[in-house]
Protein backbone atom coordinates (compact mmCIF):
# COMPACT_ATOMS: atom_id res chain seq x y z
CA MET A 1 1.72 16.66 33.82
CA LYS A 2 4.88 18.10 34.72
CA GLN A 3 6.49 14.61 35.04
CA LYS A 4 5.26 13.86 31.50
CA SER A 5 6.72 17.02 30.06
CA MET A 6 10.15 16.48 31.57
CA ARG A 7 10.11 13.07 30.17
CA LEU A 8 9.27 14.19 26.67
CA PHE A 9 11.73 17.09 26.82
CA PHE A 10 14.46 14.47 27.74
CA ALA A 11 13.09 11.85 25.15
CA VAL A 12 13.31 14.51 22.49
CA LEU A 13 17.05 15.48 23.37
CA CYS A 14 17.95 11.76 23.28
CA CYS A 15 16.43 11.21 19.78
CA PHE A 16 18.26 14.39 18.49
CA ALA A 17 21.57 13.17 19.85
CA LEU A 18 20.97 9.56 18.65
CA THR A 19 19.64 10.02 15.29
CA PHE A 20 20.97 13.19 13.83
CA PRO A 21 24.36 11.61 12.76
CA VAL A 22 22.54 8.96 10.78
CA VAL A 23 20.01 10.81 9.02
CA THR A 24 20.27 10.00 5.06
CA VAL A 25 18.53 11.43 2.13
CA ASN A 26 17.56 8.65 -0.62
CA ALA A 27 19.06 9.52 -4.09
CA ALA A 28 16.66 10.08 -6.80
CA ILE A 29 16.98 7.32 -9.70
CA THR A 30 16.97 8.93 -13.11
CA ASN A 31 18.20 6.18 -15.22
CA ASN A 32 16.73 2.69 -16.06
CA GLU A 33 17.43 0.54 -12.86
CA THR A 34 16.03 -2.59 -11.03
CA GLY A 35 16.73 -3.73 -7.43
CA THR A 36 15.57 -4.66 -4.01
CA HIS A 37 14.89 -1.87 -1.39
CA ASP A 38 13.41 -2.30 2.19
CA GLY A 39 11.83 -5.66 1.33
CA TYR A 40 10.50 -4.60 -2.04
CA ASP A 41 11.42 -5.32 -5.63
CA TYR A 42 11.54 -1.97 -7.61
CA GLU A 43 12.11 -0.72 -11.13
CA PHE A 44 12.57 2.62 -13.08
CA TRP A 45 12.07 2.34 -16.76
CA LYS A 46 11.86 4.74 -19.40
CA ASP A 47 12.18 4.97 -23.26
CA SER A 48 13.95 7.79 -25.01
CA GLY A 49 12.70 11.23 -24.65
CA GLY A 50 12.00 13.59 -21.73
CA SER A 51 13.16 13.09 -18.12
CA GLY A 52 11.87 11.44 -14.90
CA SER A 53 13.10 10.54 -11.45
CA MET A 54 12.20 8.07 -8.60
CA THR A 55 12.92 8.33 -4.85
CA LEU A 56 12.69 5.10 -2.89
CA ASN A 57 11.00 5.43 0.48
CA SER A 58 10.43 2.89 3.34
CA GLY A 59 8.73 -0.20 2.69
CA GLY A 60 6.75 0.09 -0.67
CA THR A 61 6.52 3.53 -0.68
CA PHE A 62 8.05 5.71 -3.37
CA SER A 63 7.74 9.23 -4.99
CA ALA A 64 8.07 9.82 -8.78
CA GLU A 65 8.06 12.66 -11.14
CA TRP A 66 8.35 13.00 -14.87
CA ASN A 67 8.31 15.79 -17.57
CA ASN A 68 7.79 15.50 -21.33
CA ILE A 69 8.42 11.80 -21.52
CA ASN A 70 7.33 9.47 -24.24
CA ASN A 71 6.81 6.27 -22.06
CA ILE A 72 7.92 5.82 -18.26
CA LEU A 73 7.13 3.40 -15.40
CA PHE A 74 7.84 3.50 -11.69
CA ARG A 75 7.05 0.65 -9.39
CA LYS A 76 7.60 -1.30 -6.20
CA GLY A 77 6.34 -4.78 -5.59
CA LYS A 78 7.41 -8.23 -5.93
CA LYS A 79 9.24 -10.33 -8.81
CA PHE A 80 8.87 -13.96 -9.00
CA ASP A 81 10.97 -16.80 -10.47
CA GLN A 82 8.35 -17.72 -13.11
CA THR A 83 7.86 -21.19 -11.75
CA GLN A 84 4.48 -20.88 -9.95
CA THR A 85 0.86 -19.85 -11.06
CA HIS A 86 -0.78 -17.43 -8.79
CA GLN A 87 -2.84 -20.13 -7.44
CA GLN A 88 0.55 -21.65 -6.24
CA ILE A 89 1.80 -18.65 -4.79
CA GLY A 90 -1.23 -17.80 -2.93
CA ASN A 91 -3.76 -14.82 -2.47
CA ILE A 92 -2.28 -11.39 -3.55
CA SER A 93 -3.62 -8.12 -2.24
CA ILE A 94 -2.17 -4.52 -2.07
CA ASN A 95 -3.36 -1.72 0.31
CA TYR A 96 -2.17 1.60 -0.81
CA GLY A 97 -2.40 5.54 -0.94
CA ALA A 98 -1.20 8.03 -3.29
CA ASN A 99 -1.13 11.77 -4.06
CA TYR A 100 -1.41 11.27 -7.67
CA GLN A 101 -1.12 14.33 -9.97
CA PRO A 102 -0.94 13.40 -13.71
CA ASN A 103 -0.75 15.94 -16.49
CA GLY A 104 -1.80 14.25 -19.55
CA ASN A 105 -1.97 10.46 -20.25
CA SER A 106 -0.99 8.38 -17.18
CA TYR A 107 -2.20 5.39 -15.21
CA LEU A 108 -2.14 4.51 -11.37
CA THR A 109 -2.14 0.63 -11.60
CA VAL A 110 -1.33 -2.65 -10.21
CA TYR A 111 1.04 -3.92 -13.11
CA GLY A 112 2.92 -7.11 -14.15
CA TRP A 113 3.79 -9.91 -16.24
CA THR A 114 3.32 -13.71 -16.60
CA VAL A 115 5.12 -16.20 -18.87
CA ASP A 116 3.80 -19.33 -20.81
CA PRO A 117 1.69 -17.63 -21.86
CA LEU A 118 3.56 -13.99 -22.16
CA VAL A 119 0.97 -11.49 -20.70
CA GLU A 120 1.22 -7.95 -19.49
CA TYR A 121 -1.55 -6.96 -17.13
CA TYR A 122 -2.99 -3.72 -15.47
CA ILE A 123 -5.44 -3.24 -12.73
CA VAL A 124 -6.08 0.51 -13.15
CA ASP A 125 -7.55 2.60 -10.12
CA SER A 126 -7.00 6.14 -11.51
CA TRP A 127 -5.81 7.66 -14.76
CA GLY A 128 -4.97 11.10 -16.45
CA SER A 129 -6.58 12.47 -19.41
CA TRP A 130 -7.55 9.38 -21.15
CA ARG A 131 -9.29 6.08 -19.51
CA PRO A 132 -7.45 3.01 -20.98
CA PRO A 133 -7.50 1.11 -23.05
CA GLY A 134 -10.43 2.04 -25.10
CA GLY A 135 -12.79 -0.39 -27.01
CA THR A 136 -15.56 -2.54 -25.74
CA ALA A 137 -15.33 -4.35 -22.28
CA LYS A 138 -15.64 -8.10 -22.45
CA GLY A 139 -16.98 -8.45 -18.88
CA THR A 140 -16.72 -6.71 -15.41
CA ILE A 141 -15.71 -7.59 -11.94
CA THR A 142 -17.30 -5.97 -8.78
CA VAL A 143 -14.79 -5.99 -5.90
CA ASP A 144 -13.25 -3.49 -3.19
CA GLY A 145 -16.26 -1.13 -3.36
CA GLY A 146 -16.08 -0.58 -7.27
CA THR A 147 -16.79 -2.10 -10.69
CA TYR A 148 -14.06 -2.78 -13.10
CA ASP A 149 -14.49 -3.16 -16.73
CA ILE A 150 -12.45 -6.01 -18.25
CA TYR A 151 -10.50 -5.70 -21.65
CA GLU A 152 -8.19 -7.75 -23.54
CA THR A 153 -5.75 -6.36 -26.16
CA THR A 154 -3.05 -7.55 -28.28
CA ARG A 155 0.56 -6.09 -28.77
CA THR A 156 2.28 -6.95 -31.86
CA ASN A 157 6.22 -7.01 -31.99
CA GLN A 158 6.66 -4.73 -28.96
CA PRO A 159 8.99 -4.56 -26.25
CA SER A 160 8.36 -7.18 -23.43
CA ILE A 161 10.39 -8.86 -20.61
CA ILE A 162 11.58 -11.40 -22.96
CA GLY A 163 12.51 -8.86 -25.74
CA THR A 164 10.54 -7.83 -28.77
CA ALA A 165 7.32 -10.12 -28.96
CA THR A 166 3.71 -10.27 -29.63
CA PHE A 167 1.60 -10.68 -26.56
CA GLN A 168 -1.65 -10.20 -25.03
CA GLN A 169 -2.55 -7.39 -22.48
CA TYR A 170 -5.40 -8.00 -19.87
CA TRP A 171 -6.86 -5.01 -18.10
CA SER A 172 -9.35 -4.23 -15.35
CA VAL A 173 -10.26 -0.48 -15.27
CA ARG A 174 -12.02 1.08 -12.33
CA ARG A 175 -15.24 2.88 -13.39
CA SER A 176 -14.68 5.42 -10.97
CA LYS A 177 -11.33 6.89 -10.01
CA ARG A 178 -9.65 6.41 -6.62
CA THR A 179 -6.25 7.08 -5.18
CA SER A 180 -6.31 4.67 -2.09
CA GLY A 181 -7.84 1.65 -1.02
CA THR A 182 -7.37 -2.28 -1.33
CA ILE A 183 -6.85 -3.87 -4.48
CA SER A 184 -7.63 -7.85 -4.36
CA VAL A 185 -5.21 -8.66 -7.12
CA SER A 186 -6.04 -12.48 -7.07
CA GLU A 187 -9.72 -11.63 -7.47
CA HIS A 188 -8.89 -9.85 -10.93
CA PHE A 189 -6.98 -12.80 -12.13
CA LYS A 190 -9.81 -15.24 -11.30
CA ALA A 191 -12.11 -12.90 -13.17
CA TRP A 192 -9.93 -13.01 -16.24
CA GLU A 193 -9.40 -16.70 -16.20
CA ASN A 194 -13.43 -17.10 -15.90
CA LEU A 195 -13.51 -15.10 -19.24
CA GLY A 196 -10.91 -17.48 -21.12
CA MET A 197 -8.02 -15.11 -20.62
CA GLU A 198 -5.22 -17.42 -19.45
CA MET A 199 -2.68 -16.62 -17.02
CA GLY A 200 0.71 -17.88 -17.06
CA LYS A 201 3.52 -18.35 -14.38
CA MET A 202 4.07 -15.30 -12.23
CA HIS A 203 6.89 -12.85 -13.15
CA GLU A 204 5.89 -9.74 -11.20
CA VAL A 205 3.20 -7.79 -9.27
CA ALA A 206 3.95 -4.18 -8.30
CA LEU A 207 2.01 -0.98 -7.75
CA THR A 208 2.97 1.44 -10.55
CA VAL A 209 2.63 4.78 -11.74
CA GLU A 210 3.05 4.99 -15.65
CA GLY A 211 3.16 8.07 -17.83
CA TYR A 212 2.68 8.13 -21.63
CA GLN A 213 3.49 11.27 -23.57
CA SER A 214 2.72 13.34 -20.53
CA SER A 215 4.04 14.85 -17.48
CA GLY A 216 3.15 14.83 -13.73
CA SER A 217 4.04 13.65 -10.16
CA ALA A 218 3.16 10.97 -7.39
CA ASP A 219 3.78 10.38 -3.95
CA VAL A 220 2.77 6.87 -3.07
CA TYR A 221 2.66 7.26 0.63
CA SER A 222 1.30 3.70 1.33
CA ASN A 223 1.81 0.47 -0.37
CA THR A 224 1.60 -2.81 1.50
CA LEU A 225 1.82 -5.96 -0.61
CA THR A 226 0.26 -9.12 0.97
CA ILE A 227 0.68 -12.59 -0.23
CA GLY A 228 -0.90 -15.52 1.25
CA GLY A 229 -3.95 -16.24 3.27
CA SER A 230 -7.53 -16.32 1.90
CA SER A 231 -8.96 -14.66 -1.27
CA GLY A 232 -11.44 -11.95 -1.87
CA GLY A 233 -10.09 -8.71 -0.34
CA ASP A 234 -12.56 -7.23 2.14
CA ASP A 235 -15.49 -9.18 1.14
CA GLY A 236 -15.81 -10.86 4.61
CA ASP A 237 -14.51 -14.23 3.73
CA GLY A 238 -11.89 -14.47 6.27
CA SER A 239 -8.98 -12.51 4.36
CA THR A 240 -6.74 -10.32 6.29
CA THR A 241 -5.31 -6.75 5.59
CA ARG A 242 -2.29 -5.25 7.12
CA VAL A 243 -1.39 -1.56 7.43
CA GLU A 244 1.83 -0.57 8.87
CA ALA A 245 1.64 2.26 11.31
CA GLU A 246 4.53 4.32 9.88
CA ASN A 247 2.50 4.32 6.39
CA MET A 248 -0.67 6.00 8.28
CA THR A 249 -1.16 9.75 8.61
CA LYS A 250 0.32 10.98 11.88
CA SER A 251 -1.48 13.47 14.14
CA GLY A 252 -0.82 14.96 17.43
CA GLN A 253 2.02 17.02 18.96
CA TYR A 254 4.51 14.25 19.82
CA THR A 255 3.68 11.36 17.28
CA GLY A 256 6.65 10.19 15.69
CA ASN A 257 8.55 7.11 13.92
CA ILE A 258 10.61 4.69 16.00
CA SER A 259 12.85 1.99 14.79
CA SER A 260 13.04 -0.18 18.09
CA PRO A 261 11.65 -2.46 19.25
CA PHE A 262 10.15 -2.54 15.62
CA ASP A 263 9.78 -0.13 12.76
CA GLY A 264 6.65 1.75 13.80
CA VAL A 265 5.22 4.75 15.57
CA ALA A 266 5.27 6.12 18.97
CA LEU A 267 2.23 7.80 20.55
CA TYR A 268 3.57 9.86 23.43
CA ALA A 269 0.62 11.82 24.65
CA ASN A 270 -2.84 12.28 24.66
CA ASN A 271 -4.44 13.11 21.26
CA ASP A 272 -1.40 11.55 19.51
CA SER A 273 -2.86 9.23 16.83
CA VAL A 274 -2.29 7.60 13.29
CA LYS A 275 -5.12 7.11 10.87
CA TYR A 276 -5.97 6.10 7.34
CA THR A 277 -9.08 5.54 5.01
CA GLN A 278 -10.18 1.92 4.56
CA TYR A 279 -12.90 0.70 2.34
CA PHE A 280 -15.29 -1.82 4.21
CA ALA A 281 -17.75 -3.91 2.12
CA ASN A 282 -19.22 -5.55 5.27
CA ASP A 283 -20.03 -3.98 8.70
CA THR A 284 -18.19 -6.48 11.21
CA HIS A 285 -14.60 -7.16 11.31
CA SER A 286 -12.03 -8.37 13.98
CA PHE A 287 -9.01 -5.72 14.20
CA SER A 288 -5.50 -6.87 15.68
CA LEU A 289 -2.78 -4.45 16.77
CA ARG A 290 0.87 -5.45 17.36
CA GLY A 291 2.41 -2.97 19.92
CA ALA A 292 4.13 -2.45 23.20
CA SER A 293 4.57 -0.24 26.11
CA ASN A 294 7.90 1.62 26.48
CA ASN A 295 8.08 0.31 29.94
CA SER A 296 6.49 -2.07 32.35
CA ASN A 297 3.12 -0.05 32.71
CA MET A 298 0.20 -0.64 30.86
CA ALA A 299 -0.20 1.33 27.56
CA ARG A 300 -3.66 1.89 25.98
CA VAL A 301 -4.52 2.69 22.51
CA ASP A 302 -8.26 3.37 21.35
CA LEU A 303 -9.74 2.16 18.09
CA LYS A 304 -11.94 4.70 16.38
CA ILE A 305 -13.76 4.10 13.22
CA GLY A 306 -15.68 6.81 11.58
CA GLY A 307 -15.13 8.90 14.51
CA GLN A 308 -16.61 6.57 16.99
CA THR A 309 -14.51 4.66 19.58
CA LYS A 310 -15.05 0.78 19.23
CA GLY A 311 -12.50 -0.44 21.73
CA THR A 312 -9.17 -0.30 23.45
CA PHE A 313 -6.03 -2.24 22.87
CA TYR A 314 -4.09 -2.76 26.12
CA PHE A 315 -0.24 -3.54 26.08
CA GLY A 316 1.19 -4.45 29.36
CA GLY A 317 4.93 -4.37 28.77
CA SER A 318 7.81 -3.57 26.70
CA TYR A 319 7.82 -6.71 24.84
CA PRO A 320 5.81 -6.69 21.47
CA ALA A 321 2.66 -8.51 21.48
CA VAL A 322 -0.71 -8.67 19.30
CA TYR A 323 -3.98 -8.14 20.63
CA THR A 324 -7.43 -8.42 18.99
CA ILE A 325 -10.75 -6.81 19.50
CA ASP A 326 -13.39 -9.20 18.08
CA ASN A 327 -16.67 -8.55 15.94
CA VAL A 328 -16.33 -4.87 15.76
CA SER A 329 -19.53 -3.12 14.20
CA HIS A 330 -18.87 -0.33 12.05
CA GLY A 331 -20.16 1.76 8.99
CA THR A 332 -19.51 0.55 5.27
CA GLY A 333 -17.74 2.20 2.46
CA ASN A 334 -14.87 4.29 3.07
CA GLN A 335 -14.18 4.94 6.77
CA GLU A 336 -11.56 6.75 8.78
CA VAL A 337 -9.61 4.13 10.97
CA GLU A 338 -7.84 5.79 13.90
CA LEU A 339 -5.42 4.54 16.53
CA VAL A 340 -5.36 7.21 19.33
CA VAL A 341 -3.97 7.70 22.82
CA THR A 342 -6.71 9.30 25.22
CA SER A 343 -5.95 7.94 28.60
CA ASP A 344 -2.18 8.64 29.10
CA ASN A 345 -1.43 9.81 32.60
CA GLY A 346 2.31 10.42 32.13
CA GLU A 347 3.40 6.76 33.04
CA TRP A 348 3.84 5.33 29.41
CA ASP A 349 4.07 5.65 25.86
CA ALA A 350 2.26 3.41 23.13
CA LEU A 351 4.40 2.00 20.48
CA ILE A 352 2.59 0.47 17.51
CA ASP A 353 3.77 -1.54 14.58
CA TYR A 354 0.84 -2.60 12.45
CA LEU A 355 -2.92 -3.06 12.26
CA GLU A 356 -4.48 -6.12 10.87
CA ILE A 357 -8.18 -6.42 9.80
CA HIS A 358 -9.76 -9.83 9.74
């Protein structure tokens, strides 16, 4: 224990010495702006009236606030070149989590556009004072643990990505609000097409916070966009969900972010952990963890689901590797997934990059 304490003290001193000079604070965006940040395309857009700001954080994460605006959108995702349909691009899904605090009319949604035909689309998981878009649903889709009502509306001579135009809006609106989980984007596209709602070539898909004649704030603390692989979200058909360790909730006395040998999290001592909530439609999955030990000793990371230990990942050296625990049985619905150190003897630190669920 003394050896562990001295090593941790030295590591903390080194971290302060190495990282203090390069600490930066992301400036808030307050005017209309598009760009690329940490592998994601982003956009801040508002019309006249009121104020808003957007702070870009790691990966797909960001924070936003708005006050007395007319219309404002904050988003991070992927923009495409308008040459491929969603079928050609491959399966699209988003795993996200947000502290969402609207005051008035607002949406927490997957948002985007297609061209040929020109379509603006929404997959709404939560909202403020009004559930959009009103009217009578033309169908439903049950996916990712919930039922969504499907709507189609028409916008006449309104702003669009090609200027003022008349276009269709497609909507999937969840019947019960949530602010975290997996959104199987491609499944909504398929459901719309099955109802005769034609999708064009992809322009954009992004996790978005929109405010309309309202105020509010949002901290999108997790936003992982996955493109490719099988479709169907967590419906047990062979698809994969990846969650970055640095986007999980950190617990324990010494748990902290790292930038080498990858952007991830270090678990330094017993009971250090990262965790998040995952929705499971089925009760058996395989779990793959990419990680490493900080030295040549074997590091151990336990997998817990719903508070029960389901297996252990072993990392036998400092070179990153992926190890899998197959056919894990667990509860369904929302479950807490935790990666935790419980067998540390002062000889190693566990470094973890991401968890994949198959």
